[in-house]
Amino acid sequence: MSPIQILSLLLALSTALNIAVSTGLLARKGGVGVPQAALTGAGAAATALGIYFAAVAAYS
């Protein structure tokens, strides 16, 4: 992998982590329990990474 590809992957992972944390905190603030908030955040992160990887696959 080239350095640009590695940096792009790290940026995608960082963005997915930020999405997961913010979604989990919003869910927790909305009144759900910690396990449900964690699952909600993980689902949001997986969706964000899935969209990113689909875009990369379509581009290459």
PDB file of N, CA and C in Angstrom:
ATOM      1  N   MET A   1       0.843  -1.180   0.000  1.00  0.00           N
ATOM      2  CA  MET A   1       0.000   0.000   0.000  1.00  0.00           C
ATOM      3  C   MET A   1       0.890   1.245   0.000  1.00  0.00           C
ATOM      4  N   SER A   2       0.427   2.226  -0.720  1.00  0.00           N
ATOM      5  CA  SER A   2       1.166   3.483  -0.765  1.00  0.00           C
ATOM      6  C   SER A   2       0.834   4.309   0.489  1.00  0.00           C
ATOM      7  N   PRO A   3       1.676   5.270   0.794  1.00  0.00           N
ATOM      8  CA  PRO A   3       1.403   6.115   1.967  1.00  0.00           C
ATOM      9  C   PRO A   3       0.067   6.862   1.862  1.00  0.00           C
ATOM     10  N   ILE A   4      -0.315   7.260   0.666  1.00  0.00           N
ATOM     11  CA  ILE A   4      -1.597   7.952   0.483  1.00  0.00           C
ATOM     12  C   ILE A   4      -2.762   7.023   0.824  1.00  0.00           C
ATOM     13  N   GLN A   5      -2.667   5.767   0.417  1.00  0.00           N
ATOM     14  CA  GLN A   5      -3.727   4.803   0.726  1.00  0.00           C
ATOM     15  C   GLN A   5      -3.815   4.546   2.227  1.00  0.00           C
ATOM     16  N   ILE A   6      -2.682   4.464   2.877  1.00  0.00           N
ATOM     17  CA  ILE A   6      -2.673   4.234   4.324  1.00  0.00           C
ATOM     18  C   ILE A   6      -3.284   5.426   5.048  1.00  0.00           C
ATOM     19  N   LEU A   7      -2.904   6.635   4.641  1.00  0.00           N
ATOM     20  CA  LEU A   7      -3.471   7.824   5.270  1.00  0.00           C
ATOM     21  C   LEU A   7      -4.966   7.938   5.012  1.00  0.00           C
ATOM     22  N   SER A   8      -5.389   7.549   3.825  1.00  0.00           N
ATOM     23  CA  SER A   8      -6.819   7.577   3.505  1.00  0.00           C
ATOM     24  C   SER A   8      -7.591   6.586   4.372  1.00  0.00           C
ATOM     25  N   LEU A   9      -7.017   5.408   4.575  1.00  0.00           N
ATOM     26  CA  LEU A   9      -7.661   4.412   5.435  1.00  0.00           C
ATOM     27  C   LEU A   9      -7.715   4.889   6.881  1.00  0.00           C
ATOM     28  N   LEU A  10      -6.645   5.502   7.353  1.00  0.00           N
ATOM     29  CA  LEU A  10      -6.651   6.039   8.718  1.00  0.00           C
ATOM     30  C   LEU A  10      -7.678   7.153   8.877  1.00  0.00           C
ATOM     31  N   LEU A  11      -7.829   7.978   7.852  1.00  0.00           N
ATOM     32  CA  LEU A  11      -8.841   9.026   7.900  1.00  0.00           C
ATOM     33  C   LEU A  11     -10.240   8.422   7.953  1.00  0.00           C
ATOM     34  N   ALA A  12     -10.477   7.368   7.174  1.00  0.00           N
ATOM     35  CA  ALA A  12     -11.781   6.705   7.198  1.00  0.00           C
ATOM     36  C   ALA A  12     -12.056   6.084   8.565  1.00  0.00           C
ATOM     37  N   LEU A  13     -11.053   5.459   9.158  1.00  0.00           N
ATOM     38  CA  LEU A  13     -11.228   4.860  10.484  1.00  0.00           C
ATOM     39  C   LEU A  13     -11.467   5.917  11.549  1.00  0.00           C
ATOM     40  N   SER A  14     -10.762   7.029  11.443  1.00  0.00           N
ATOM     41  CA  SER A  14     -10.958   8.119  12.395  1.00  0.00           C
ATOM     42  C   SER A  14     -12.367   8.694  12.278  1.00  0.00           C
ATOM     43  N   THR A  15     -12.817   8.878  11.062  1.00  0.00           N
ATOM     44  CA  THR A  15     -14.168   9.394  10.845  1.00  0.00           C
ATOM     45  C   THR A  15     -15.210   8.422  11.377  1.00  0.00           C
ATOM     46  N   ALA A  16     -15.016   7.130  11.114  1.00  0.00           N
ATOM     47  CA  ALA A  16     -15.964   6.126  11.604  1.00  0.00           C
ATOM     48  C   ALA A  16     -15.980   6.096  13.130  1.00  0.00           C
ATOM     49  N   LEU A  17     -14.828   6.260  13.758  1.00  0.00           N
ATOM     50  CA  LEU A  17     -14.776   6.279  15.225  1.00  0.00           C
ATOM     51  C   LEU A  17     -15.505   7.497  15.774  1.00  0.00           C
ATOM     52  N   ASN A  18     -15.323   8.648  15.131  1.00  0.00           N
ATOM     53  CA  ASN A  18     -16.036   9.853  15.564  1.00  0.00           C
ATOM     54  C   ASN A  18     -17.542   9.685  15.398  1.00  0.00           C
ATOM     55  N   ILE A  19     -17.964   9.083  14.305  1.00  0.00           N
ATOM     56  CA  ILE A  19     -19.390   8.828  14.083  1.00  0.00           C
ATOM     57  C   ILE A  19     -19.922   7.879  15.151  1.00  0.00           C
ATOM     58  N   ALA A  20     -19.158   6.835  15.459  1.00  0.00           N
ATOM     59  CA  ALA A  20     -19.600   5.853  16.448  1.00  0.00           C
ATOM     60  C   ALA A  20     -19.754   6.484  17.833  1.00  0.00           C
ATOM     61  N   VAL A  21     -18.775   7.273  18.232  1.00  0.00           N
ATOM     62  CA  VAL A  21     -18.831   7.885  19.565  1.00  0.00           C
ATOM     63  C   VAL A  21     -19.982   8.877  19.655  1.00  0.00           C
ATOM     64  N   SER A  22     -20.115   9.725  18.635  1.00  0.00           N
ATOM     65  CA  SER A  22     -21.188  10.722  18.699  1.00  0.00           C
ATOM     66  C   SER A  22     -22.563  10.072  18.636  1.00  0.00           C
ATOM     67  N   THR A  23     -22.715   9.033  17.834  1.00  0.00           N
ATOM     68  CA  THR A  23     -23.999   8.335  17.766  1.00  0.00           C
ATOM     69  C   THR A  23     -24.303   7.622  19.079  1.00  0.00           C
ATOM     70  N   GLY A  24     -23.289   6.998  19.659  1.00  0.00           N
ATOM     71  CA  GLY A  24     -23.479   6.331  20.943  1.00  0.00           C
ATOM     72  C   GLY A  24     -23.849   7.306  22.045  1.00  0.00           C
ATOM     73  N   LEU A  25     -23.201   8.462  22.057  1.00  0.00           N
ATOM     74  CA  LEU A  25     -23.529   9.466  23.072  1.00  0.00           C
ATOM     75  C   LEU A  25     -24.933  10.029  22.867  1.00  0.00           C
ATOM     76  N   LEU A  26     -25.306  10.249  21.609  1.00  0.00           N
ATOM     77  CA  LEU A  26     -26.661  10.723  21.338  1.00  0.00           C
ATOM     78  C   LEU A  26     -27.707   9.696  21.743  1.00  0.00           C
ATOM     79  N   ALA A  27     -27.425   8.427  21.470  1.00  0.00           N
ATOM     80  CA  ALA A  27     -28.364   7.378  21.866  1.00  0.00           C
ATOM     81  C   ALA A  27     -28.466   7.288  23.383  1.00  0.00           C
ATOM     82  N   ARG A  28     -27.321   7.400  24.040  1.00  0.00           N
ATOM     83  CA  ARG A  28     -27.322   7.340  25.510  1.00  0.00           C
ATOM     84  C   ARG A  28     -28.093   8.519  26.093  1.00  0.00           C
ATOM     85  N   LYS A  29     -27.880   9.699  25.508  1.00  0.00           N
ATOM     86  CA  LYS A  29     -28.606  10.892  25.955  1.00  0.00           C
ATOM     87  C   LYS A  29     -30.102  10.746  25.684  1.00  0.00           C
ATOM     88  N   GLY A  30     -30.443   9.963  24.668  1.00  0.00           N
ATOM     89  CA  GLY A  30     -31.844   9.745  24.327  1.00  0.00           C
ATOM     90  C   GLY A  30     -32.562   8.796  25.266  1.00  0.00           C
ATOM     91  N   GLY A  31     -31.832   8.174  26.167  1.00  0.00           N
ATOM     92  CA  GLY A  31     -32.490   7.382  27.188  1.00  0.00           C
ATOM     93  C   GLY A  31     -32.315   5.878  27.078  1.00  0.00           C
ATOM     94  N   VAL A  32     -31.536   5.391  26.119  1.00  0.00           N
ATOM     95  CA  VAL A  32     -31.338   3.941  26.031  1.00  0.00           C
ATOM     96  C   VAL A  32     -30.190   3.538  26.939  1.00  0.00           C
ATOM     97  N   GLY A  33     -30.070   2.258  27.184  1.00  0.00           N
ATOM     98  CA  GLY A  33     -29.002   1.758  28.050  1.00  0.00           C
ATOM     99  C   GLY A  33     -27.658   1.776  27.344  1.00  0.00           C
ATOM    100  N   VAL A  34     -26.615   1.542  28.131  1.00  0.00           N
ATOM    101  CA  VAL A  34     -25.255   1.574  27.596  1.00  0.00           C
ATOM    102  C   VAL A  34     -25.034   0.503  26.527  1.00  0.00           C
ATOM    103  N   PRO A  35     -25.488  -0.753  26.733  1.00  0.00           N
ATOM    104  CA  PRO A  35     -25.273  -1.752  25.675  1.00  0.00           C
ATOM    105  C   PRO A  35     -25.967  -1.385  24.359  1.00  0.00           C
ATOM    106  N   GLN A  36     -27.189  -0.884  24.451  1.00  0.00           N
ATOM    107  CA  GLN A  36     -27.907  -0.497  23.233  1.00  0.00           C
ATOM    108  C   GLN A  36     -27.231   0.698  22.565  1.00  0.00           C
ATOM    109  N   ALA A  37     -26.721   1.641  23.346  1.00  0.00           N
ATOM    110  CA  ALA A  37     -26.022   2.797  22.776  1.00  0.00           C
ATOM    111  C   ALA A  37     -24.731   2.363  22.092  1.00  0.00           C
ATOM    112  N   ALA A  38     -24.031   1.408  22.690  1.00  0.00           N
ATOM    113  CA  ALA A  38     -22.801   0.902  22.078  1.00  0.00           C
ATOM    114  C   ALA A  38     -23.097   0.193  20.764  1.00  0.00           C
ATOM    115  N   LEU A  39     -24.159  -0.601  20.748  1.00  0.00           N
ATOM    116  CA  LEU A  39     -24.535  -1.280  19.504  1.00  0.00           C
ATOM    117  C   LEU A  39     -24.974  -0.290  18.436  1.00  0.00           C
ATOM    118  N   THR A  40     -25.661   0.761  18.835  1.00  0.00           N
ATOM    119  CA  THR A  40     -26.078   1.787  17.886  1.00  0.00           C
ATOM    120  C   THR A  40     -24.861   2.483  17.295  1.00  0.00           C
ATOM    121  N   GLY A  41     -23.895   2.828  18.131  1.00  0.00           N
ATOM    122  CA  GLY A  41     -22.671   3.457  17.644  1.00  0.00           C
ATOM    123  C   GLY A  41     -21.873   2.542  16.736  1.00  0.00           C
ATOM    124  N   ALA A  42     -21.794   1.272  17.104  1.00  0.00           N
ATOM    125  CA  ALA A  42     -21.070   0.320  16.264  1.00  0.00           C
ATOM    126  C   ALA A  42     -21.755   0.143  14.911  1.00  0.00           C
ATOM    127  N   GLY A  43     -23.064   0.126  14.915  1.00  0.00           N
ATOM    128  CA  GLY A  43     -23.795   0.016  13.655  1.00  0.00           C
ATOM    129  C   GLY A  43     -23.582   1.223  12.765  1.00  0.00           C
ATOM    130  N   ALA A  44     -23.542   2.394  13.357  1.00  0.00           N
ATOM    131  CA  ALA A  44     -23.295   3.613  12.578  1.00  0.00           C
ATOM    132  C   ALA A  44     -21.879   3.608  12.004  1.00  0.00           C
ATOM    133  N   ALA A  45     -20.908   3.160  12.788  1.00  0.00           N
ATOM    134  CA  ALA A  45     -19.533   3.088  12.301  1.00  0.00           C
ATOM    135  C   ALA A  45     -19.399   2.072  11.178  1.00  0.00           C
ATOM    136  N   ALA A  46     -20.039   0.924  11.329  1.00  0.00           N
ATOM    137  CA  ALA A  46     -19.984  -0.096  10.287  1.00  0.00           C
ATOM    138  C   ALA A  46     -20.629   0.399   9.001  1.00  0.00           C
ATOM    139  N   THR A  47     -21.707   1.137   9.121  1.00  0.00           N
ATOM    140  CA  THR A  47     -22.354   1.700   7.945  1.00  0.00           C
ATOM    141  C   THR A  47     -21.446   2.706   7.252  1.00  0.00           C
ATOM    142  N   ALA A  48     -20.808   3.572   8.031  1.00  0.00           N
ATOM    143  CA  ALA A  48     -19.910   4.575   7.451  1.00  0.00           C
ATOM    144  C   ALA A  48     -18.732   3.912   6.738  1.00  0.00           C
ATOM    145  N   LEU A  49     -18.148   2.887   7.367  1.00  0.00           N
ATOM    146  CA  LEU A  49     -17.035   2.193   6.726  1.00  0.00           C
ATOM    147  C   LEU A  49     -17.498   1.416   5.496  1.00  0.00           C
ATOM    148  N   GLY A  50     -18.691   0.843   5.553  1.00  0.00           N
ATOM    149  CA  GLY A  50     -19.226   0.132   4.391  1.00  0.00           C
ATOM    150  C   GLY A  50     -19.416   1.055   3.209  1.00  0.00           C
ATOM    151  N   ILE A  51     -19.925   2.243   3.453  1.00  0.00           N
ATOM    152  CA  ILE A  51     -20.089   3.221   2.372  1.00  0.00           C
ATOM    153  C   ILE A  51     -18.732   3.636   1.821  1.00  0.00           C
ATOM    154  N   TYR A  52     -17.766   3.849   2.697  1.00  0.00           N
ATOM    155  CA  TYR A  52     -16.427   4.233   2.249  1.00  0.00           C
ATOM    156  C   TYR A  52     -15.805   3.136   1.388  1.00  0.00           C
ATOM    157  N   PHE A  53     -15.846   1.899   1.871  1.00  0.00           N
ATOM    158  CA  PHE A  53     -15.234   0.811   1.112  1.00  0.00           C
ATOM    159  C   PHE A  53     -15.972   0.529  -0.195  1.00  0.00           C
ATOM    160  N   ALA A  54     -17.283   0.729  -0.207  1.00  0.00           N
ATOM    161  CA  ALA A  54     -18.028   0.581  -1.467  1.00  0.00           C
ATOM    162  C   ALA A  54     -17.622   1.643  -2.468  1.00  0.00           C
ATOM    163  N   ALA A  55     -17.400   2.852  -1.983  1.00  0.00           N
ATOM    164  CA  ALA A  55     -16.954   3.926  -2.879  1.00  0.00           C
ATOM    165  C   ALA A  55     -15.559   3.646  -3.422  1.00  0.00           C
ATOM    166  N   VAL A  56     -14.679   3.121  -2.572  1.00  0.00           N
ATOM    167  CA  VAL A  56     -13.328   2.791  -3.014  1.00  0.00           C
ATOM    168  C   VAL A  56     -13.381   1.653  -4.039  1.00  0.00           C
ATOM    169  N   ALA A  57     -14.208   0.665  -3.801  1.00  0.00           N
ATOM    170  CA  ALA A  57     -14.318  -0.456  -4.737  1.00  0.00           C
ATOM    171  C   ALA A  57     -14.899  -0.011  -6.070  1.00  0.00           C
ATOM    172  N   ALA A  58     -15.844   0.909  -6.047  1.00  0.00           N
ATOM    173  CA  ALA A  58     -16.440   1.391  -7.286  1.00  0.00           C
ATOM    174  C   ALA A  58     -15.462   2.267  -8.051  1.00  0.00           C
ATOM    175  N   TYR A  59     -14.594   2.971  -7.339  1.00  0.00           N
ATOM    176  CA  TYR A  59     -13.644   3.865  -7.990  1.00  0.00           C
ATOM    177  C   TYR A  59     -12.528   3.099  -8.661  1.00  0.00           C
ATOM    178  N   SER A  60     -12.069   2.020  -8.030  1.00  0.00           N
ATOM    179  CA  SER A  60     -10.917   1.285  -8.584  1.00  0.00           C
ATOM    180  C   SER A  60     -11.314   0.145  -9.468  1.00  0.00           C
TER     181      SER A  60
END
